N, C-alpha and C. Protein backbone atom coordinates (compact mmCIF):
# COMPACT_ATOMS: atom_id res chain seq x y z
N MET A 1 93.97 42.04 -20.23
CA MET A 1 94.41 42.90 -19.24
C MET A 1 94.21 44.73 -19.05
N GLU A 2 94.57 44.73 -17.91
CA GLU A 2 94.64 45.83 -17.61
C GLU A 2 94.85 46.74 -18.50
N ASN A 3 94.09 47.26 -19.28
CA ASN A 3 94.67 48.18 -20.54
C ASN A 3 96.61 47.93 -20.25
N ASP A 4 96.46 47.24 -21.39
CA ASP A 4 97.87 47.12 -21.64
C ASP A 4 99.43 48.19 -21.70
N ALA A 5 98.69 49.25 -22.72
CA ALA A 5 99.51 50.06 -22.76
C ALA A 5 100.42 51.03 -22.13
N HIS A 6 99.35 51.10 -20.89
CA HIS A 6 99.91 51.66 -19.48
C HIS A 6 100.79 50.89 -18.52
N LEU A 7 100.33 49.59 -18.54
CA LEU A 7 101.43 48.53 -18.10
C LEU A 7 102.64 48.49 -18.70
N GLU A 8 102.51 48.68 -19.91
CA GLU A 8 103.73 48.88 -20.24
C GLU A 8 104.81 50.16 -19.87
N ARG A 9 103.92 50.89 -19.95
CA ARG A 9 104.66 52.23 -20.37
C ARG A 9 105.62 52.14 -18.65
N LEU A 10 104.77 51.93 -17.54
CA LEU A 10 105.30 51.30 -16.92
C LEU A 10 106.99 50.70 -16.00
N ILE A 11 106.61 49.57 -16.96
CA ILE A 11 107.65 48.90 -17.12
C ILE A 11 108.77 49.46 -18.19
N ALA A 12 108.36 50.25 -18.89
CA ALA A 12 109.91 50.91 -19.90
C ALA A 12 110.16 51.60 -19.26
N GLU A 13 109.51 52.44 -18.24
CA GLU A 13 109.78 53.47 -17.45
C GLU A 13 110.57 53.13 -16.36
N ALA A 14 110.79 52.22 -16.15
CA ALA A 14 111.56 51.65 -14.76
C ALA A 14 112.64 51.28 -15.45
N LEU A 15 112.61 50.94 -16.55
CA LEU A 15 113.56 49.98 -17.48
C LEU A 15 114.60 51.14 -18.03
N THR A 16 114.37 52.06 -18.15
CA THR A 16 114.95 53.13 -19.09
C THR A 16 116.57 53.30 -18.50
N ASP A 17 117.04 53.39 -17.62
CA ASP A 17 118.55 53.20 -17.48
C ASP A 17 119.33 52.04 -17.31
N PHE A 18 118.35 50.76 -17.49
CA PHE A 18 118.92 49.16 -17.72
C PHE A 18 118.96 49.19 -19.36
N ALA A 19 117.74 49.67 -20.20
CA ALA A 19 118.06 49.65 -21.42
C ALA A 19 118.76 50.42 -22.51
N SER A 20 119.40 51.81 -21.44
CA SER A 20 120.29 52.34 -22.02
C SER A 20 121.81 51.89 -22.00
N GLU A 21 121.63 51.10 -20.26
CA GLU A 21 123.20 49.83 -20.34
C GLU A 21 123.18 48.96 -21.57
N LEU A 22 121.77 47.92 -21.77
CA LEU A 22 121.63 47.60 -22.38
C LEU A 22 122.56 47.97 -23.89
N ARG A 23 121.74 48.93 -24.74
CA ARG A 23 122.77 49.86 -25.76
C ARG A 23 123.62 49.71 -25.78
N LEU A 24 124.60 49.94 -24.48
CA LEU A 24 126.28 50.19 -24.93
C LEU A 24 126.77 48.75 -24.70
N ILE A 25 125.73 47.99 -25.36
CA ILE A 25 126.90 46.56 -25.96
C ILE A 25 126.68 46.24 -27.26
N GLU A 26 127.98 46.11 -27.94
CA GLU A 26 127.72 46.03 -29.67
C GLU A 26 126.12 45.59 -29.99
N ALA A 27 125.80 45.70 -30.75
CA ALA A 27 124.28 44.64 -31.01
C ALA A 27 125.45 43.52 -31.86
N ALA A 28 126.21 43.63 -32.31
CA ALA A 28 126.78 42.41 -32.95
C ALA A 28 126.70 40.94 -32.32
N ASP A 29 127.13 41.65 -30.93
CA ASP A 29 127.49 40.91 -30.27
C ASP A 29 125.82 39.91 -29.63
N PHE A 30 124.86 40.96 -29.26
CA PHE A 30 123.44 40.12 -29.20
C PHE A 30 123.58 39.24 -30.58
N VAL A 31 123.30 39.63 -31.12
CA VAL A 31 123.12 39.01 -33.11
C VAL A 31 123.43 38.20 -32.40
N ALA A 32 124.67 37.54 -32.90
CA ALA A 32 125.57 36.79 -32.57
C ALA A 32 125.18 35.22 -31.52
N TYR A 33 125.43 36.06 -30.06
CA TYR A 33 124.37 34.95 -29.51
C TYR A 33 123.41 34.42 -29.76
N LEU A 34 122.59 35.35 -30.21
CA LEU A 34 121.25 34.78 -30.63
C LEU A 34 121.01 33.61 -30.94
N ARG A 35 121.59 34.14 -32.43
CA ARG A 35 121.46 33.40 -33.59
C ARG A 35 122.31 31.90 -33.29
N LEU A 36 123.60 31.98 -32.90
CA LEU A 36 123.56 30.52 -32.18
C LEU A 36 123.36 30.46 -31.16
N GLY A 37 122.41 30.31 -30.28
CA GLY A 37 121.48 30.13 -29.58
C GLY A 37 122.57 30.15 -28.36
N GLN A 38 123.70 31.29 -27.99
CA GLN A 38 124.36 31.04 -26.70
C GLN A 38 123.28 32.11 -25.80
N PHE A 39 122.54 31.79 -25.06
CA PHE A 39 121.45 31.86 -24.08
C PHE A 39 122.53 32.02 -22.51
N ALA A 40 123.41 31.60 -22.41
CA ALA A 40 123.97 31.62 -20.64
C ALA A 40 124.95 32.96 -21.41
N ASN A 41 125.40 33.05 -22.33
CA ASN A 41 125.96 34.74 -22.72
C ASN A 41 125.46 35.87 -22.75
N VAL A 42 124.15 35.80 -23.06
CA VAL A 42 122.69 36.98 -23.25
C VAL A 42 122.67 37.08 -21.75
N ALA A 43 122.51 36.16 -20.61
CA ALA A 43 121.54 36.14 -19.73
C ALA A 43 123.12 36.57 -19.37
N ALA A 44 124.15 36.60 -18.94
CA ALA A 44 125.37 37.44 -18.53
C ALA A 44 125.34 39.01 -18.55
N LEU A 45 124.83 38.75 -19.63
CA LEU A 45 124.90 40.48 -20.20
C LEU A 45 124.03 41.13 -20.04
N VAL A 46 122.49 40.41 -19.72
CA VAL A 46 121.33 40.97 -18.90
C VAL A 46 121.54 41.11 -17.50
N THR A 47 121.64 40.02 -17.00
CA THR A 47 122.70 40.28 -15.31
C THR A 47 123.81 41.62 -15.13
N SER A 48 124.08 41.39 -15.56
CA SER A 48 125.34 42.29 -15.42
C SER A 48 124.93 44.36 -15.73
N ALA A 49 124.08 43.99 -16.47
CA ALA A 49 123.22 45.42 -16.82
C ALA A 49 122.37 45.44 -15.45
N ALA A 50 121.64 44.41 -15.46
CA ALA A 50 120.44 44.55 -14.54
C ALA A 50 121.29 45.00 -12.94
N GLU A 51 122.34 44.09 -12.52
CA GLU A 51 122.29 44.38 -11.15
C GLU A 51 122.81 45.90 -10.88
N LEU A 52 122.95 46.62 -12.06
CA LEU A 52 123.41 48.03 -11.45
C LEU A 52 121.94 48.93 -11.19
N PHE A 53 121.08 48.30 -11.80
CA PHE A 53 119.92 49.29 -11.15
C PHE A 53 118.25 48.44 -10.56
N PHE A 54 118.87 47.55 -10.36
CA PHE A 54 117.73 46.46 -9.07
C PHE A 54 118.89 45.27 -8.85
N LYS A 55 117.74 45.02 -7.79
CA LYS A 55 118.02 43.83 -7.08
C LYS A 55 118.39 42.70 -7.42
N PRO A 56 119.11 41.79 -6.97
CA PRO A 56 119.46 40.64 -7.57
C PRO A 56 118.24 39.95 -7.35
N GLY A 57 118.51 38.86 -8.87
CA GLY A 57 117.09 38.12 -8.99
C GLY A 57 115.69 38.67 -9.56
N ALA A 58 116.20 40.29 -9.38
CA ALA A 58 114.56 40.59 -9.92
C ALA A 58 114.39 40.90 -11.17
N LEU A 59 115.04 40.54 -11.76
CA LEU A 59 115.16 40.69 -13.30
C LEU A 59 115.98 39.29 -14.26
N ALA A 60 115.00 38.70 -14.69
CA ALA A 60 116.13 37.83 -15.98
C ALA A 60 115.57 37.61 -16.80
N PHE A 61 116.79 37.04 -17.66
CA PHE A 61 116.47 36.90 -19.37
C PHE A 61 115.97 35.45 -18.55
N THR A 62 115.05 34.91 -19.85
CA THR A 62 114.12 34.10 -20.20
C THR A 62 114.48 33.26 -20.70
N GLU A 63 115.97 33.35 -21.54
CA GLU A 63 116.23 32.59 -22.98
C GLU A 63 115.16 32.25 -24.05
N ALA A 64 115.16 32.88 -24.34
CA ALA A 64 114.13 33.57 -25.19
C ALA A 64 114.47 35.32 -25.95
N GLY A 65 115.03 35.25 -27.45
CA GLY A 65 114.71 36.47 -28.05
C GLY A 65 115.18 36.63 -29.46
N SER A 66 115.24 37.99 -30.10
CA SER A 66 115.39 37.58 -31.46
C SER A 66 116.26 38.85 -31.41
N ALA A 67 117.22 38.64 -32.88
CA ALA A 67 117.94 39.71 -33.74
C ALA A 67 116.92 40.19 -34.89
N GLU A 68 116.81 41.20 -35.75
CA GLU A 68 116.76 41.65 -36.71
C GLU A 68 118.19 42.63 -37.07
N LEU A 69 117.89 42.16 -38.31
CA LEU A 69 119.64 42.74 -38.71
C LEU A 69 119.40 43.21 -40.48
N GLY A 70 118.92 43.11 -40.97
CA GLY A 70 118.95 43.47 -42.34
C GLY A 70 120.10 44.72 -43.26
N TRP A 71 120.18 44.58 -44.51
CA TRP A 71 120.65 45.24 -45.14
C TRP A 71 120.73 46.60 -45.57
N SER A 72 119.53 47.37 -44.60
CA SER A 72 119.79 48.64 -44.44
C SER A 72 118.95 49.17 -43.16
N GLY A 73 118.89 49.94 -42.48
CA GLY A 73 118.60 50.47 -40.80
C GLY A 73 119.30 49.57 -39.92
N ALA A 74 118.91 50.31 -39.19
CA ALA A 74 119.98 50.13 -38.04
C ALA A 74 118.98 48.16 -37.22
N PRO A 75 119.76 47.84 -36.27
CA PRO A 75 119.56 46.63 -35.90
C PRO A 75 118.46 46.69 -35.03
N ALA A 76 118.01 45.29 -34.93
CA ALA A 76 116.61 45.30 -33.01
C ALA A 76 117.17 44.44 -32.85
N ILE A 77 116.89 44.12 -31.00
CA ILE A 77 117.33 43.44 -30.55
C ILE A 77 116.05 43.65 -29.44
N THR A 78 115.40 41.88 -29.16
CA THR A 78 114.05 42.03 -28.61
C THR A 78 115.37 40.80 -27.85
N LEU A 79 114.94 40.81 -26.45
CA LEU A 79 115.22 39.95 -25.34
C LEU A 79 113.83 39.69 -24.36
N ASP A 80 113.71 38.46 -24.12
CA ASP A 80 112.38 37.99 -23.31
C ASP A 80 113.06 38.34 -21.59
N LEU A 81 112.44 39.47 -20.98
CA LEU A 81 112.31 38.80 -19.27
C LEU A 81 111.45 39.03 -18.74
N LYS A 82 111.97 38.37 -16.95
CA LYS A 82 111.14 38.64 -16.19
C LYS A 82 111.42 39.56 -15.32
N LEU A 83 110.28 39.94 -14.64
CA LEU A 83 110.05 40.65 -13.56
C LEU A 83 109.56 39.27 -12.50
N ASN A 84 110.56 39.76 -11.04
CA ASN A 84 109.99 38.79 -10.39
C ASN A 84 109.97 39.23 -8.69
N ARG A 85 108.87 40.32 -8.31
CA ARG A 85 109.66 41.04 -6.96
C ARG A 85 107.59 40.59 -5.94
N ALA A 86 107.83 41.16 -5.42
CA ALA A 86 106.94 41.60 -4.64
C ALA A 86 105.42 40.99 -4.81
N GLY A 87 105.26 39.60 -4.91
CA GLY A 87 104.39 38.74 -5.48
C GLY A 87 103.58 38.78 -6.65
N VAL A 88 104.62 39.71 -7.69
CA VAL A 88 103.78 40.10 -8.97
C VAL A 88 104.91 39.58 -9.77
N ALA A 89 104.73 38.79 -10.83
CA ALA A 89 105.40 38.07 -11.91
C ALA A 89 105.25 38.85 -13.49
N ALA A 90 106.00 39.49 -14.27
CA ALA A 90 105.11 40.16 -15.19
C ALA A 90 106.65 39.34 -16.53
N GLU A 91 106.13 39.03 -17.54
CA GLU A 91 106.90 38.36 -18.71
C GLU A 91 106.67 39.16 -19.39
N PHE A 92 107.24 39.99 -19.74
CA PHE A 92 107.47 40.59 -21.26
C PHE A 92 108.77 40.71 -22.42
N ALA A 93 108.69 41.45 -23.63
CA ALA A 93 109.48 41.20 -24.61
C ALA A 93 110.19 43.05 -24.51
N LEU A 94 111.27 43.47 -24.26
CA LEU A 94 112.01 44.33 -24.54
C LEU A 94 112.39 44.35 -26.14
N ARG A 95 112.12 45.50 -26.73
CA ARG A 95 112.69 44.95 -27.61
C ARG A 95 114.20 47.10 -27.77
N LEU A 96 114.58 46.30 -28.13
CA LEU A 96 116.36 47.56 -28.72
C LEU A 96 116.60 47.77 -29.77
N THR A 97 116.33 49.16 -30.71
CA THR A 97 117.41 49.93 -31.58
C THR A 97 117.95 50.56 -31.04
N ASP A 98 118.56 51.61 -32.05
CA ASP A 98 119.83 52.53 -31.90
C ASP A 98 118.97 53.53 -30.80
N ARG A 99 118.43 53.78 -30.93
CA ARG A 99 117.40 55.46 -30.29
C ARG A 99 116.39 54.90 -29.23
N ALA A 100 115.79 53.67 -29.42
CA ALA A 100 114.60 53.68 -28.51
C ALA A 100 114.73 52.26 -27.50
N ALA A 101 113.54 52.26 -26.63
CA ALA A 101 113.78 50.67 -26.21
C ALA A 101 111.46 50.75 -26.45
N ALA A 102 111.68 49.64 -26.44
CA ALA A 102 109.73 49.74 -26.51
C ALA A 102 109.67 48.07 -25.65
N VAL A 103 108.56 48.00 -24.97
CA VAL A 103 108.25 46.56 -24.38
C VAL A 103 106.35 46.10 -24.66
N ARG A 104 106.81 45.21 -24.93
CA ARG A 104 105.63 43.72 -24.88
C ARG A 104 105.12 43.16 -23.80
N LEU A 105 103.96 43.35 -23.37
CA LEU A 105 104.26 42.36 -21.87
C LEU A 105 103.18 41.49 -22.67
N ARG A 106 103.50 40.02 -21.90
CA ARG A 106 103.48 39.08 -22.01
C ARG A 106 102.22 38.20 -21.57
N SER A 107 102.87 38.65 -19.89
CA SER A 107 101.73 38.28 -19.45
C SER A 107 102.11 38.58 -17.85
N LEU A 108 100.92 38.35 -16.95
CA LEU A 108 101.41 39.46 -15.74
C LEU A 108 100.66 38.42 -14.58
N ALA A 109 101.13 38.34 -13.28
CA ALA A 109 100.62 37.33 -12.32
C ALA A 109 101.10 37.98 -11.10
N ILE A 110 99.83 38.36 -10.37
CA ILE A 110 99.84 38.72 -8.91
C ILE A 110 99.46 37.62 -8.06
N ARG A 111 100.60 37.43 -7.10
CA ARG A 111 99.87 35.98 -5.95
C ARG A 111 99.21 36.24 -5.63
N PHE A 112 98.61 37.93 -5.03
CA PHE A 112 97.44 37.87 -4.28
C PHE A 112 96.54 37.96 -5.22
N PRO A 113 95.54 37.66 -4.43
CA PRO A 113 94.11 37.65 -5.21
C PRO A 113 93.51 39.18 -4.90
N ASP A 114 93.60 39.41 -3.88
CA ASP A 114 92.82 40.98 -3.49
C ASP A 114 93.03 41.67 -4.37
N GLU A 115 94.19 41.40 -4.79
CA GLU A 115 94.91 43.35 -5.40
C GLU A 115 94.47 43.34 -6.46
N SER A 116 93.10 43.79 -6.60
CA SER A 116 92.29 44.65 -7.85
C SER A 116 93.34 45.89 -9.29
N ASP A 117 93.95 46.48 -8.47
CA ASP A 117 94.67 47.44 -9.32
C ASP A 117 96.00 46.75 -9.84
N GLN A 118 95.63 46.11 -11.15
CA GLN A 118 97.09 45.96 -11.41
C GLN A 118 98.08 46.57 -11.71
N ALA A 119 97.78 47.76 -12.10
CA ALA A 119 98.87 49.04 -12.60
C ALA A 119 99.30 48.84 -11.01
N ALA A 120 98.67 49.79 -9.67
CA ALA A 120 99.51 49.59 -8.28
C ALA A 120 100.29 48.29 -8.22
N ALA A 121 100.02 47.53 -8.06
CA ALA A 121 100.50 46.43 -7.69
C ALA A 121 101.95 45.74 -9.14
N LEU A 122 101.94 46.65 -9.86
CA LEU A 122 103.00 46.14 -10.61
C LEU A 122 103.87 47.53 -10.18
N ALA A 123 103.77 48.71 -10.07
CA ALA A 123 104.27 49.81 -10.09
C ALA A 123 104.83 49.47 -8.44
N ALA A 124 104.40 48.94 -7.24
CA ALA A 124 105.04 49.14 -6.17
C ALA A 124 106.10 47.02 -6.60
N ALA A 125 105.35 46.56 -7.26
CA ALA A 125 106.94 45.26 -7.70
C ALA A 125 107.96 45.98 -8.35
N LEU A 126 107.52 47.02 -9.20
CA LEU A 126 109.06 47.54 -10.09
C LEU A 126 109.57 48.74 -9.03
N ALA A 127 109.19 49.58 -7.81
CA ALA A 127 109.89 50.02 -6.90
C ALA A 127 110.42 48.79 -6.02
N ASP A 128 109.84 48.17 -5.77
CA ASP A 128 110.74 47.52 -4.94
C ASP A 128 111.67 46.11 -5.60
N ALA A 129 112.13 46.43 -6.73
CA ALA A 129 113.01 45.97 -7.26
C ALA A 129 114.58 46.44 -7.80
N ARG A 130 113.47 47.60 -7.93
CA ARG A 130 115.29 49.09 -7.47
C ARG A 130 115.95 48.30 -6.46
N ARG A 131 117.13 49.15 -7.31
CA ARG A 131 118.71 49.16 -5.74
C ARG A 131 117.55 50.44 -5.70
N PRO A 132 118.11 50.56 -3.73
CA PRO A 132 118.36 51.96 -3.80
C PRO A 132 119.53 52.95 -4.19
N PRO A 133 118.97 54.28 -4.81
CA PRO A 133 119.85 55.52 -5.43
C PRO A 133 121.40 55.23 -4.61
N ARG A 134 122.59 54.75 -5.73
CA ARG A 134 123.55 55.21 -4.51
C ARG A 134 124.04 56.37 -4.12
N LYS A 135 124.96 57.02 -2.75
CA LYS A 135 125.05 57.59 -2.68
C LYS A 135 126.47 58.31 -2.70
N ALA A 136 126.39 59.42 -3.39
CA ALA A 136 128.11 60.58 -3.46
C ALA A 136 128.38 60.22 -2.23
N GLN A 137 129.83 59.46 -3.07
CA GLN A 137 130.65 58.87 -2.13
C GLN A 137 132.05 60.03 -1.95
N ALA A 138 132.43 60.76 -0.89
CA ALA A 138 133.27 62.36 -0.59
C ALA A 138 134.67 61.33 -1.13
N SER A 139 135.12 62.70 -1.90
CA SER A 139 136.44 62.12 -2.72
C SER A 139 137.77 62.23 -1.54
N SER A 140 138.38 61.62 -1.77
CA SER A 140 139.83 61.47 -0.57
C SER A 140 140.47 63.04 -1.25
N ARG A 141 141.29 63.23 -0.64
CA ARG A 141 141.91 64.53 -1.01
C ARG A 141 143.53 63.88 -1.31
N LEU A 142 144.11 63.29 -2.05
CA LEU A 142 145.47 63.04 -2.48
C LEU A 142 146.60 64.49 -1.89
N TYR A 143 146.09 65.66 -1.80
CA TYR A 143 147.01 66.35 -1.57
C TYR A 143 146.39 67.17 -0.27
N ASN A 144 147.63 67.80 0.19
CA ASN A 144 146.82 68.35 1.41
C ASN A 144 146.99 70.10 1.57
C-alpha cells in the first residue's frame, strides 16, 4: 500500500472531531460493552458520534474492538471502523486514549481501477463523507 503513514494521517485528520466526541463517552462503558460482546451498544455509540460529522452510512463500526485497562495508566480503546464512500472502502482501527487518537489502516479498496493515486481517492472519499458545516442560526429575540 502507498505510504500507509500518509494515508493514516489523512484518516486521522478527518476523524479528529469524531474521536473527540467518542472520548466524551466514559471509557468504562466501552470496556464493558467490548468485554461482554455487546457490539450493538458500541455500534450505537459510534453511529451517534458519527452522525454529527459524517453522512449516514459513511462510517461504521465493524463489530470488533478491544479495551486495554490496567492497574496503572489510562485505558485505551480500539475500535475497528469502516469508511465506505465515493468508491473507496477503508478498514482501519481507531485507538483512543485519554489525550490522543491514532489510526492504523488495515485495508484500502478503490472501486475504480484507473485511480492510481490512493491518497487522492481517499481524501476525496473522506471529503464526500463529511456533513456540510452547520450554519449558525440566527438567535430569536425573546424581548423587544
